[in-house]
């Protein structure tokens, strides 16, 4: 969906990085397990701190997070928010990682990590 939104706005696709997806999934799981919703994790700190701690090489990082009924609704919410939309459509990014964790009511925590 993210790359479909990029294409619809004249942007090239971002490479889906499996290692970055693992980290995004850890962040989504962490929000669920520790009952918080924030860009700063009590476990991992900021996105930059988390990536560095796991040895992921990057020069810049951006993060989108959502807690919605479905991943489709999360993506629609991202695209309707100017800051999240800027991350999705940003030409500065080269790779993306997407992580989803489902809570006990079936809602999803979605984390999108953007890097270059």
PDB file of N, CA and C in Angstrom:
ATOM      1  N   UNK A   1       0.827  -1.194   0.000  1.00  0.00           N
ATOM      2  CA  UNK A   1       0.000   0.000   0.000  1.00  0.00           C
ATOM      3  C   UNK A   1       0.869   1.255   0.000  1.00  0.00           C
ATOM      4  N   UNK A   2       1.945   1.222   0.771  1.00  0.00           N
ATOM      5  CA  UNK A   2       2.835   2.380   0.842  1.00  0.00           C
ATOM      6  C   UNK A   2       3.399   2.704  -0.542  1.00  0.00           C
ATOM      7  N   UNK A   3       3.911   1.702  -1.243  1.00  0.00           N
ATOM      8  CA  UNK A   3       4.475   1.961  -2.564  1.00  0.00           C
ATOM      9  C   UNK A   3       3.391   2.284  -3.593  1.00  0.00           C
ATOM     10  N   UNK A   4       2.178   1.791  -3.392  1.00  0.00           N
ATOM     11  CA  UNK A   4       1.063   2.198  -4.258  1.00  0.00           C
ATOM     12  C   UNK A   4       0.772   3.685  -4.075  1.00  0.00           C
ATOM     13  N   UNK A   5       0.792   4.147  -2.829  1.00  0.00           N
ATOM     14  CA  UNK A   5       0.583   5.575  -2.564  1.00  0.00           C
ATOM     15  C   UNK A   5       1.726   6.402  -3.142  1.00  0.00           C
ATOM     16  N   UNK A   6       2.944   5.904  -3.056  1.00  0.00           N
ATOM     17  CA  UNK A   6       4.083   6.616  -3.656  1.00  0.00           C
ATOM     18  C   UNK A   6       3.906   6.714  -5.169  1.00  0.00           C
ATOM     19  N   UNK A   7       3.548   5.603  -5.812  1.00  0.00           N
ATOM     20  CA  UNK A   7       3.364   5.591  -7.272  1.00  0.00           C
ATOM     21  C   UNK A   7       2.248   6.545  -7.691  1.00  0.00           C
ATOM     22  N   UNK A   8       1.159   6.560  -6.926  1.00  0.00           N
ATOM     23  CA  UNK A   8       0.031   7.444  -7.250  1.00  0.00           C
ATOM     24  C   UNK A   8       0.409   8.914  -7.144  1.00  0.00           C
ATOM     25  N   UNK A   9       1.504   9.194  -6.456  1.00  0.00           N
ATOM     26  CA  UNK A   9       1.982  10.570  -6.290  1.00  0.00           C
ATOM     27  C   UNK A   9       3.297  10.816  -7.031  1.00  0.00           C
ATOM     28  N   UNK A  10       3.570   9.978  -8.031  1.00  0.00           N
ATOM     29  CA  UNK A  10       4.728  10.173  -8.887  1.00  0.00           C
ATOM     30  C   UNK A  10       6.076   9.873  -8.251  1.00  0.00           C
ATOM     31  N   UNK A  11       6.084   9.087  -7.192  1.00  0.00           N
ATOM     32  CA  UNK A  11       7.333   8.738  -6.509  1.00  0.00           C
ATOM     33  C   UNK A  11       7.731   7.303  -6.858  1.00  0.00           C
ATOM     34  N   UNK A  12       9.011   7.040  -6.827  1.00  0.00           N
ATOM     35  CA  UNK A  12       9.484   5.680  -7.070  1.00  0.00           C
ATOM     36  C   UNK A  12       9.273   4.832  -5.815  1.00  0.00           C
ATOM     37  N   UNK A  13       9.234   3.535  -6.024  1.00  0.00           N
ATOM     38  CA  UNK A  13       9.024   2.595  -4.912  1.00  0.00           C
ATOM     39  C   UNK A  13      10.238   2.581  -3.997  1.00  0.00           C
ATOM     40  N   UNK A  14       9.980   2.362  -2.717  1.00  0.00           N
ATOM     41  CA  UNK A  14      11.053   2.158  -1.747  1.00  0.00           C
ATOM     42  C   UNK A  14      11.327   0.667  -1.641  1.00  0.00           C
ATOM     43  N   UNK A  15      12.585   0.317  -1.443  1.00  0.00           N
ATOM     44  CA  UNK A  15      12.959  -1.079  -1.241  1.00  0.00           C
ATOM     45  C   UNK A  15      12.482  -1.521   0.140  1.00  0.00           C
ATOM     46  N   UNK A  16      11.774  -2.646   0.188  1.00  0.00           N
ATOM     47  CA  UNK A  16      11.340  -3.227   1.459  1.00  0.00           C
ATOM     48  C   UNK A  16      12.505  -4.038   2.011  1.00  0.00           C
ATOM     49  N   UNK A  17      13.060  -3.594   3.127  1.00  0.00           N
ATOM     50  CA  UNK A  17      14.252  -4.200   3.718  1.00  0.00           C
ATOM     51  C   UNK A  17      13.823  -5.160   4.836  1.00  0.00           C
ATOM     52  N   UNK A  18      14.106  -6.469   4.688  1.00  0.00           N
ATOM     53  CA  UNK A  18      13.690  -7.451   5.707  1.00  0.00           C
ATOM     54  C   UNK A  18      14.241  -7.164   7.101  1.00  0.00           C
ATOM     55  N   UNK A  19      15.497  -6.726   7.203  1.00  0.00           N
ATOM     56  CA  UNK A  19      16.069  -6.419   8.521  1.00  0.00           C
ATOM     57  C   UNK A  19      15.353  -5.237   9.154  1.00  0.00           C
ATOM     58  N   UNK A  20      15.007  -4.248   8.351  1.00  0.00           N
ATOM     59  CA  UNK A  20      14.276  -3.078   8.842  1.00  0.00           C
ATOM     60  C   UNK A  20      12.846  -3.466   9.223  1.00  0.00           C
ATOM     61  N   UNK A  21      12.262  -4.416   8.492  1.00  0.00           N
ATOM     62  CA  UNK A  21      10.929  -4.924   8.851  1.00  0.00           C
ATOM     63  C   UNK A  21      10.969  -5.604  10.224  1.00  0.00           C
ATOM     64  N   UNK A  22      12.030  -6.363  10.480  1.00  0.00           N
ATOM     65  CA  UNK A  22      12.166  -7.011  11.792  1.00  0.00           C
ATOM     66  C   UNK A  22      12.200  -5.968  12.906  1.00  0.00           C
ATOM     67  N   UNK A  23      12.927  -4.878  12.677  1.00  0.00           N
ATOM     68  CA  UNK A  23      13.016  -3.819  13.691  1.00  0.00           C
ATOM     69  C   UNK A  23      11.680  -3.095  13.849  1.00  0.00           C
ATOM     70  N   UNK A  24      10.991  -2.849  12.747  1.00  0.00           N
ATOM     71  CA  UNK A  24       9.677  -2.204  12.816  1.00  0.00           C
ATOM     72  C   UNK A  24       8.686  -3.090  13.573  1.00  0.00           C
ATOM     73  N   UNK A  25       8.771  -4.401  13.346  1.00  0.00           N
ATOM     74  CA  UNK A  25       7.897  -5.340  14.061  1.00  0.00           C
ATOM     75  C   UNK A  25       8.213  -5.343  15.555  1.00  0.00           C
ATOM     76  N   UNK A  26       9.500  -5.266  15.898  1.00  0.00           N
ATOM     77  CA  UNK A  26       9.884  -5.178  17.316  1.00  0.00           C
ATOM     78  C   UNK A  26       9.270  -3.941  17.964  1.00  0.00           C
ATOM     79  N   UNK A  27       9.289  -2.814  17.253  1.00  0.00           N
ATOM     80  CA  UNK A  27       8.715  -1.566  17.792  1.00  0.00           C
ATOM     81  C   UNK A  27       7.206  -1.720  17.987  1.00  0.00           C
ATOM     82  N   UNK A  28       6.516  -2.292  16.993  1.00  0.00           N
ATOM     83  CA  UNK A  28       5.062  -2.488  17.126  1.00  0.00           C
ATOM     84  C   UNK A  28       4.746  -3.411  18.300  1.00  0.00           C
ATOM     85  N   UNK A  29       5.492  -4.484  18.420  1.00  0.00           N
ATOM     86  CA  UNK A  29       5.305  -5.429  19.528  1.00  0.00           C
ATOM     87  C   UNK A  29       5.580  -4.755  20.867  1.00  0.00           C
ATOM     88  N   UNK A  30       6.625  -3.936  20.917  1.00  0.00           N
ATOM     89  CA  UNK A  30       6.995  -3.225  22.135  1.00  0.00           C
ATOM     90  C   UNK A  30       5.868  -2.287  22.590  1.00  0.00           C
ATOM     91  N   UNK A  31       5.250  -1.588  21.636  1.00  0.00           N
ATOM     92  CA  UNK A  31       4.144  -0.689  22.005  1.00  0.00           C
ATOM     93  C   UNK A  31       3.003  -1.487  22.614  1.00  0.00           C
ATOM     94  N   UNK A  32       2.705  -2.649  22.033  1.00  0.00           N
ATOM     95  CA  UNK A  32       1.647  -3.499  22.566  1.00  0.00           C
ATOM     96  C   UNK A  32       2.011  -4.027  23.954  1.00  0.00           C
ATOM     97  N   UNK A  33       3.189  -4.636  24.073  1.00  0.00           N
ATOM     98  CA  UNK A  33       3.567  -5.280  25.334  1.00  0.00           C
ATOM     99  C   UNK A  33       3.728  -4.298  26.485  1.00  0.00           C
ATOM    100  N   UNK A  34       4.192  -3.088  26.177  1.00  0.00           N
ATOM    101  CA  UNK A  34       4.446  -2.100  27.225  1.00  0.00           C
ATOM    102  C   UNK A  34       3.365  -1.035  27.319  1.00  0.00           C
ATOM    103  N   UNK A  35       2.270  -1.249  26.591  1.00  0.00           N
ATOM    104  CA  UNK A  35       1.076  -0.401  26.699  1.00  0.00           C
ATOM    105  C   UNK A  35       1.388   1.093  26.549  1.00  0.00           C
ATOM    106  N   UNK A  36       2.019   1.442  25.450  1.00  0.00           N
ATOM    107  CA  UNK A  36       2.289   2.851  25.156  1.00  0.00           C
ATOM    108  C   UNK A  36       2.108   3.089  23.672  1.00  0.00           C
ATOM    109  N   UNK A  37       2.035   4.344  23.293  1.00  0.00           N
ATOM    110  CA  UNK A  37       1.964   4.733  21.884  1.00  0.00           C
ATOM    111  C   UNK A  37       2.784   6.004  21.744  1.00  0.00           C
ATOM    112  N   UNK A  38       4.011   5.857  21.287  1.00  0.00           N
ATOM    113  CA  UNK A  38       4.929   6.991  21.226  1.00  0.00           C
ATOM    114  C   UNK A  38       6.100   6.668  20.306  1.00  0.00           C
ATOM    115  N   UNK A  39       6.702   7.717  19.766  1.00  0.00           N
ATOM    116  CA  UNK A  39       7.909   7.530  18.963  1.00  0.00           C
ATOM    117  C   UNK A  39       9.116   7.191  19.838  1.00  0.00           C
ATOM    118  N   UNK A  40       9.010   7.443  21.128  1.00  0.00           N
ATOM    119  CA  UNK A  40      10.098   7.107  22.047  1.00  0.00           C
ATOM    120  C   UNK A  40       9.698   5.901  22.879  1.00  0.00           C
ATOM    121  N   UNK A  41      10.398   4.808  22.676  1.00  0.00           N
ATOM    122  CA  UNK A  41      10.118   3.563  23.371  1.00  0.00           C
ATOM    123  C   UNK A  41      10.820   3.519  24.720  1.00  0.00           C
ATOM    124  N   UNK A  42      10.136   3.016  25.761  1.00  0.00           N
ATOM    125  CA  UNK A  42      10.825   2.829  27.040  1.00  0.00           C
ATOM    126  C   UNK A  42      11.892   1.732  26.953  1.00  0.00           C
ATOM    127  N   UNK A  43      11.792   0.896  25.948  1.00  0.00           N
ATOM    128  CA  UNK A  43      12.738  -0.210  25.751  1.00  0.00           C
ATOM    129  C   UNK A  43      13.886   0.177  24.819  1.00  0.00           C
ATOM    130  N   UNK A  44      13.561   0.812  23.701  1.00  0.00           N
ATOM    131  CA  UNK A  44      14.538   1.051  22.640  1.00  0.00           C
ATOM    132  C   UNK A  44      14.932   2.516  22.458  1.00  0.00           C
ATOM    133  N   UNK A  45      14.218   3.438  23.075  1.00  0.00           N
ATOM    134  CA  UNK A  45      14.480   4.859  22.842  1.00  0.00           C
ATOM    135  C   UNK A  45      13.892   5.303  21.518  1.00  0.00           C
ATOM    136  N   UNK A  46      14.567   6.236  20.850  1.00  0.00           N
ATOM    137  CA  UNK A  46      14.096   6.748  19.556  1.00  0.00           C
ATOM    138  C   UNK A  46      14.366   5.720  18.455  1.00  0.00           C
ATOM    139  N   UNK A  47      13.813   5.963  17.280  1.00  0.00           N
ATOM    140  CA  UNK A  47      14.067   5.080  16.139  1.00  0.00           C
ATOM    141  C   UNK A  47      15.565   5.027  15.837  1.00  0.00           C
ATOM    142  N   UNK A  48      16.226   6.170  15.875  1.00  0.00           N
ATOM    143  CA  UNK A  48      17.673   6.215  15.597  1.00  0.00           C
ATOM    144  C   UNK A  48      18.443   5.410  16.640  1.00  0.00           C
ATOM    145  N   UNK A  49      18.067   5.536  17.900  1.00  0.00           N
ATOM    146  CA  UNK A  49      18.739   4.777  18.954  1.00  0.00           C
ATOM    147  C   UNK A  49      18.517   3.276  18.775  1.00  0.00           C
ATOM    148  N   UNK A  50      17.317   2.902  18.406  1.00  0.00           N
ATOM    149  CA  UNK A  50      16.998   1.488  18.208  1.00  0.00           C
ATOM    150  C   UNK A  50      17.816   0.907  17.060  1.00  0.00           C
ATOM    151  N   UNK A  51      17.828   1.583  15.917  1.00  0.00           N
ATOM    152  CA  UNK A  51      18.568   1.086  14.769  1.00  0.00           C
ATOM    153  C   UNK A  51      20.055   0.979  15.084  1.00  0.00           C
ATOM    154  N   UNK A  52      20.585   1.982  15.745  1.00  0.00           N
ATOM    155  CA  UNK A  52      22.008   1.948  16.111  1.00  0.00           C
ATOM    156  C   UNK A  52      22.314   0.791  17.047  1.00  0.00           C
ATOM    157  N   UNK A  53      21.452   0.566  18.044  1.00  0.00           N
ATOM    158  CA  UNK A  53      21.665  -0.510  19.008  1.00  0.00           C
ATOM    159  C   UNK A  53      21.678  -1.882  18.339  1.00  0.00           C
ATOM    160  N   UNK A  54      20.921  -2.025  17.250  1.00  0.00           N
ATOM    161  CA  UNK A  54      20.872  -3.287  16.527  1.00  0.00           C
ATOM    162  C   UNK A  54      21.881  -3.345  15.381  1.00  0.00           C
ATOM    163  N   UNK A  55      22.733  -2.333  15.275  1.00  0.00           N
ATOM    164  CA  UNK A  55      23.783  -2.344  14.268  1.00  0.00           C
ATOM    165  C   UNK A  55      23.305  -2.088  12.855  1.00  0.00           C
ATOM    166  N   UNK A  56      22.163  -1.440  12.714  1.00  0.00           N
ATOM    167  CA  UNK A  56      21.630  -1.134  11.387  1.00  0.00           C
ATOM    168  C   UNK A  56      22.249   0.173  10.901  1.00  0.00           C
ATOM    169  N   UNK A  57      22.918   0.133   9.766  1.00  0.00           N
ATOM    170  CA  UNK A  57      23.591   1.317   9.216  1.00  0.00           C
ATOM    171  C   UNK A  57      22.603   2.216   8.475  1.00  0.00           C
ATOM    172  N   UNK A  58      22.622   3.503   8.807  1.00  0.00           N
ATOM    173  CA  UNK A  58      21.738   4.475   8.164  1.00  0.00           C
ATOM    174  C   UNK A  58      22.354   5.854   8.313  1.00  0.00           C
ATOM    175  N   UNK A  59      21.918   6.783   7.462  1.00  0.00           N
ATOM    176  CA  UNK A  59      22.342   8.174   7.611  1.00  0.00           C
ATOM    177  C   UNK A  59      21.202   9.057   8.097  1.00  0.00           C
ATOM    178  N   UNK A  60      19.965   8.603   7.878  1.00  0.00           N
ATOM    179  CA  UNK A  60      18.791   9.339   8.343  1.00  0.00           C
ATOM    180  C   UNK A  60      17.654   8.350   8.519  1.00  0.00           C
ATOM    181  N   UNK A  61      16.781   8.624   9.493  1.00  0.00           N
ATOM    182  CA  UNK A  61      15.652   7.729   9.753  1.00  0.00           C
ATOM    183  C   UNK A  61      14.398   8.546  10.035  1.00  0.00           C
ATOM    184  N   UNK A  62      13.263   8.032   9.577  1.00  0.00           N
ATOM    185  CA  UNK A  62      11.950   8.587   9.884  1.00  0.00           C
ATOM    186  C   UNK A  62      11.055   7.461  10.345  1.00  0.00           C
ATOM    187  N   UNK A  63      10.023   7.806  11.095  1.00  0.00           N
ATOM    188  CA  UNK A  63       9.144   6.768  11.644  1.00  0.00           C
ATOM    189  C   UNK A  63       7.699   7.233  11.625  1.00  0.00           C
ATOM    190  N   UNK A  64       6.817   6.352  11.167  1.00  0.00           N
ATOM    191  CA  UNK A  64       5.375   6.523  11.305  1.00  0.00           C
ATOM    192  C   UNK A  64       4.863   5.409  12.203  1.00  0.00           C
ATOM    193  N   UNK A  65       3.958   5.745  13.132  1.00  0.00           N
ATOM    194  CA  UNK A  65       3.314   4.724  13.962  1.00  0.00           C
ATOM    195  C   UNK A  65       1.809   4.962  13.964  1.00  0.00           C
ATOM    196  N   UNK A  66       1.061   3.854  14.052  1.00  0.00           N
ATOM    197  CA  UNK A  66      -0.402   3.944  14.105  1.00  0.00           C
ATOM    198  C   UNK A  66      -0.942   2.792  14.935  1.00  0.00           C
ATOM    199  N   UNK A  67      -2.130   2.997  15.483  1.00  0.00           N
ATOM    200  CA  UNK A  67      -2.886   1.941  16.155  1.00  0.00           C
ATOM    201  C   UNK A  67      -4.306   2.067  15.631  1.00  0.00           C
ATOM    202  N   UNK A  68      -4.678   1.144  14.757  1.00  0.00           N
ATOM    203  CA  UNK A  68      -5.968   1.212  14.066  1.00  0.00           C
ATOM    204  C   UNK A  68      -6.605  -0.162  13.983  1.00  0.00           C
ATOM    205  N   UNK A  69      -7.825  -0.188  13.447  1.00  0.00           N
ATOM    206  CA  UNK A  69      -8.565  -1.438  13.301  1.00  0.00           C
ATOM    207  C   UNK A  69      -7.937  -2.360  12.258  1.00  0.00           C
ATOM    208  N   UNK A  70      -7.354  -1.786  11.199  1.00  0.00           N
ATOM    209  CA  UNK A  70      -6.745  -2.578  10.123  1.00  0.00           C
ATOM    210  C   UNK A  70      -5.516  -1.842   9.588  1.00  0.00           C
ATOM    211  N   UNK A  71      -4.673  -2.570   8.867  1.00  0.00           N
ATOM    212  CA  UNK A  71      -3.518  -1.914   8.241  1.00  0.00           C
ATOM    213  C   UNK A  71      -3.978  -0.952   7.155  1.00  0.00           C
ATOM    214  N   UNK A  72      -5.080  -1.266   6.490  1.00  0.00           N
ATOM    215  CA  UNK A  72      -5.612  -0.366   5.465  1.00  0.00           C
ATOM    216  C   UNK A  72      -6.036   0.969   6.079  1.00  0.00           C
ATOM    217  N   UNK A  73      -6.704   0.908   7.228  1.00  0.00           N
ATOM    218  CA  UNK A  73      -7.118   2.148   7.899  1.00  0.00           C
ATOM    219  C   UNK A  73      -5.910   2.909   8.427  1.00  0.00           C
ATOM    220  N   UNK A  74      -4.895   2.194   8.878  1.00  0.00           N
ATOM    221  CA  UNK A  74      -3.671   2.855   9.338  1.00  0.00           C
ATOM    222  C   UNK A  74      -3.014   3.599   8.180  1.00  0.00           C
ATOM    223  N   UNK A  75      -2.918   2.957   7.021  1.00  0.00           N
ATOM    224  CA  UNK A  75      -2.291   3.603   5.865  1.00  0.00           C
ATOM    225  C   UNK A  75      -3.109   4.815   5.412  1.00  0.00           C
ATOM    226  N   UNK A  76      -4.423   4.700   5.423  1.00  0.00           N
ATOM    227  CA  UNK A  76      -5.275   5.844   5.056  1.00  0.00           C
ATOM    228  C   UNK A  76      -5.072   7.001   6.035  1.00  0.00           C
ATOM    229  N   UNK A  77      -4.942   6.682   7.315  1.00  0.00           N
ATOM    230  CA  UNK A  77      -4.705   7.727   8.315  1.00  0.00           C
ATOM    231  C   UNK A  77      -3.340   8.373   8.102  1.00  0.00           C
ATOM    232  N   UNK A  78      -2.328   7.564   7.802  1.00  0.00           N
ATOM    233  CA  UNK A  78      -1.008   8.122   7.507  1.00  0.00           C
ATOM    234  C   UNK A  78      -1.088   9.114   6.348  1.00  0.00           C
ATOM    235  N   UNK A  79      -1.797   8.723   5.294  1.00  0.00           N
ATOM    236  CA  UNK A  79      -1.860   9.577   4.105  1.00  0.00           C
ATOM    237  C   UNK A  79      -2.689  10.835   4.323  1.00  0.00           C
ATOM    238  N   UNK A  80      -3.546  10.832   5.337  1.00  0.00           N
ATOM    239  CA  UNK A  80      -4.356  12.033   5.600  1.00  0.00           C
ATOM    240  C   UNK A  80      -3.696  12.970   6.605  1.00  0.00           C
ATOM    241  N   UNK A  81      -2.534  12.605   7.104  1.00  0.00           N
ATOM    242  CA  UNK A  81      -1.780  13.425   8.053  1.00  0.00           C
ATOM    243  C   UNK A  81      -0.542  13.978   7.344  1.00  0.00           C
ATOM    244  N   UNK A  82      -0.356  15.275   7.377  1.00  0.00           N
ATOM    245  CA  UNK A  82       0.721  15.884   6.592  1.00  0.00           C
ATOM    246  C   UNK A  82       2.105  15.352   6.952  1.00  0.00           C
ATOM    247  N   UNK A  83       2.417  15.213   8.223  1.00  0.00           N
ATOM    248  CA  UNK A  83       3.736  14.727   8.625  1.00  0.00           C
ATOM    249  C   UNK A  83       3.985  13.287   8.211  1.00  0.00           C
ATOM    250  N   UNK A  84       2.983  12.429   8.413  1.00  0.00           N
ATOM    251  CA  UNK A  84       3.121  11.029   8.031  1.00  0.00           C
ATOM    252  C   UNK A  84       3.206  10.898   6.506  1.00  0.00           C
ATOM    253  N   UNK A  85       2.389  11.681   5.824  1.00  0.00           N
ATOM    254  CA  UNK A  85       2.389  11.688   4.356  1.00  0.00           C
ATOM    255  C   UNK A  85       3.761  12.111   3.822  1.00  0.00           C
ATOM    256  N   UNK A  86       4.374  13.107   4.463  1.00  0.00           N
ATOM    257  CA  UNK A  86       5.700  13.543   4.036  1.00  0.00           C
ATOM    258  C   UNK A  86       6.716  12.414   4.155  1.00  0.00           C
ATOM    259  N   UNK A  87       6.637  11.641   5.221  1.00  0.00           N
ATOM    260  CA  UNK A  87       7.530  10.479   5.347  1.00  0.00           C
ATOM    261  C   UNK A  87       7.282   9.480   4.219  1.00  0.00           C
ATOM    262  N   UNK A  88       6.020   9.153   3.975  1.00  0.00           N
ATOM    263  CA  UNK A  88       5.688   8.161   2.948  1.00  0.00           C
ATOM    264  C   UNK A  88       6.152   8.619   1.567  1.00  0.00           C
ATOM    265  N   UNK A  89       5.954   9.883   1.257  1.00  0.00           N
ATOM    266  CA  UNK A  89       6.275  10.388  -0.079  1.00  0.00           C
ATOM    267  C   UNK A  89       7.677  10.981  -0.189  1.00  0.00           C
ATOM    268  N   UNK A  90       8.438  10.976   0.893  1.00  0.00           N
ATOM    269  CA  UNK A  90       9.752  11.610   0.907  1.00  0.00           C
ATOM    270  C   UNK A  90      10.721  11.032  -0.104  1.00  0.00           C
ATOM    271  N   UNK A  91      11.373  11.913  -0.842  1.00  0.00           N
ATOM    272  CA  UNK A  91      12.365  11.471  -1.834  1.00  0.00           C
ATOM    273  C   UNK A  91      13.715  11.183  -1.185  1.00  0.00           C
ATOM    274  N   UNK A  92      13.873  11.551   0.082  1.00  0.00           N
ATOM    275  CA  UNK A  92      15.145  11.324   0.769  1.00  0.00           C
ATOM    276  C   UNK A  92      15.337   9.869   1.182  1.00  0.00           C
ATOM    277  N   UNK A  93      14.260   9.087   1.248  1.00  0.00           N
ATOM    278  CA  UNK A  93      14.356   7.706   1.725  1.00  0.00           C
ATOM    279  C   UNK A  93      14.714   6.751   0.598  1.00  0.00           C
ATOM    280  N   UNK A  94      15.448   5.686   0.936  1.00  0.00           N
ATOM    281  CA  UNK A  94      15.784   4.650  -0.041  1.00  0.00           C
ATOM    282  C   UNK A  94      15.192   3.291   0.333  1.00  0.00           C
ATOM    283  N   UNK A  95      14.934   3.076   1.625  1.00  0.00           N
ATOM    284  CA  UNK A  95      14.405   1.791   2.090  1.00  0.00           C
ATOM    285  C   UNK A  95      13.317   2.021   3.127  1.00  0.00           C
ATOM    286  N   UNK A  96      12.476   1.017   3.272  1.00  0.00           N
ATOM    287  CA  UNK A  96      11.422   1.066   4.280  1.00  0.00           C
ATOM    288  C   UNK A  96      11.329  -0.299   4.954  1.00  0.00           C
ATOM    289  N   UNK A  97      10.943  -0.270   6.221  1.00  0.00           N
ATOM    290  CA  UNK A  97      10.613  -1.479   6.955  1.00  0.00           C
ATOM    291  C   UNK A  97       9.241  -1.284   7.569  1.00  0.00           C
ATOM    292  N   UNK A  98       8.393  -2.281   7.470  1.00  0.00           N
ATOM    293  CA  UNK A  98       7.033  -2.179   7.997  1.00  0.00           C
ATOM    294  C   UNK A  98       6.808  -3.339   8.957  1.00  0.00           C
ATOM    295  N   UNK A  99       6.343  -3.004  10.162  1.00  0.00           N
ATOM    296  CA  UNK A  99       6.069  -4.019  11.165  1.00  0.00           C
ATOM    297  C   UNK A  99       4.673  -3.869  11.723  1.00  0.00           C
ATOM    298  N   UNK A 100       3.990  -4.987  11.868  1.00  0.00           N
ATOM    299  CA  UNK A 100       2.611  -4.998  12.364  1.00  0.00           C
ATOM    300  C   UNK A 100       2.519  -5.972  13.531  1.00  0.00           C
ATOM    301  N   UNK A 101       1.817  -5.540  14.577  1.00  0.00           N
ATOM    302  CA  UNK A 101       1.537  -6.417  15.709  1.00  0.00           C
ATOM    303  C   UNK A 101       0.064  -6.253  16.067  1.00  0.00           C
ATOM    304  N   UNK A 102      -0.644  -7.364  16.216  1.00  0.00           N
ATOM    305  CA  UNK A 102      -2.075  -7.331  16.508  1.00  0.00           C
ATOM    306  C   UNK A 102      -2.311  -7.425  18.009  1.00  0.00           C
ATOM    307  N   UNK A 103      -3.214  -6.570  18.520  1.00  0.00           N
ATOM    308  CA  UNK A 103      -3.533  -6.630  19.944  1.00  0.00           C
ATOM    309  C   UNK A 103      -4.659  -7.628  20.197  1.00  0.00           C
ATOM    310  N   UNK A 104      -5.059  -7.778  21.444  1.00  0.00           N
ATOM    311  CA  UNK A 104      -6.035  -8.801  21.829  1.00  0.00           C
ATOM    312  C   UNK A 104      -7.432  -8.549  21.269  1.00  0.00           C
ATOM    313  N   UNK A 105      -7.724  -7.316  20.848  1.00  0.00           N
ATOM    314  CA  UNK A 105      -9.021  -7.017  20.241  1.00  0.00           C
ATOM    315  C   UNK A 105      -8.976  -7.033  18.717  1.00  0.00           C
ATOM    316  N   UNK A 106      -7.832  -7.399  18.154  1.00  0.00           N
ATOM    317  CA  UNK A 106      -7.713  -7.465  16.705  1.00  0.00           C
ATOM    318  C   UNK A 106      -7.258  -6.172  16.047  1.00  0.00           C
ATOM    319  N   UNK A 107      -7.012  -5.133  16.847  1.00  0.00           N
ATOM    320  CA  UNK A 107      -6.473  -3.891  16.302  1.00  0.00           C
ATOM    321  C   UNK A 107      -4.983  -4.076  16.046  1.00  0.00           C
ATOM    322  N   UNK A 108      -4.441  -3.285  15.134  1.00  0.00           N
ATOM    323  CA  UNK A 108      -3.035  -3.438  14.772  1.00  0.00           C
ATOM    324  C   UNK A 108      -2.217  -2.220  15.188  1.00  0.00           C
ATOM    325  N   UNK A 109      -1.011  -2.502  15.636  1.00  0.00           N
ATOM    326  CA  UNK A 109       0.031  -1.483  15.802  1.00  0.00           C
ATOM    327  C   UNK A 109       0.875  -1.564  14.542  1.00  0.00           C
ATOM    328  N   UNK A 110       1.007  -0.451  13.841  1.00  0.00           N
ATOM    329  CA  UNK A 110       1.793  -0.413  12.616  1.00  0.00           C
ATOM    330  C   UNK A 110       2.965   0.548  12.809  1.00  0.00           C
ATOM    331  N   UNK A 111       4.149   0.079  12.461  1.00  0.00           N
ATOM    332  CA  UNK A 111       5.342   0.920  12.463  1.00  0.00           C
ATOM    333  C   UNK A 111       5.945   0.910  11.074  1.00  0.00           C
ATOM    334  N   UNK A 112       6.204   2.089  10.542  1.00  0.00           N
ATOM    335  CA  UNK A 112       6.923   2.239   9.273  1.00  0.00           C
ATOM    336  C   UNK A 112       8.234   2.945   9.595  1.00  0.00           C
ATOM    337  N   UNK A 113       9.346   2.319   9.239  1.00  0.00           N
ATOM    338  CA  UNK A 113      10.664   2.924   9.418  1.00  0.00           C
ATOM    339  C   UNK A 113      11.239   3.229   8.047  1.00  0.00           C
ATOM    340  N   UNK A 114      11.647   4.472   7.851  1.00  0.00           N
ATOM    341  CA  UNK A 114      12.203   4.946   6.583  1.00  0.00           C
ATOM    342  C   UNK A 114      13.670   5.282   6.803  1.00  0.00           C
ATOM    343  N   UNK A 115      14.533   4.836   5.900  1.00  0.00           N
ATOM    344  CA  UNK A 115      15.961   5.148   6.042  1.00  0.00           C
ATOM    345  C   UNK A 115      16.580   5.515   4.703  1.00  0.00           C
ATOM    346  N   UNK A 116      17.727   6.139   4.866  1.00  0.00           N
ATOM    347  CA  UNK A 116      18.667   6.301   3.746  1.00  0.00           C
ATOM    348  C   UNK A 116      20.047   6.120   4.318  1.00  0.00           C
TER     349      UNK A 116
END
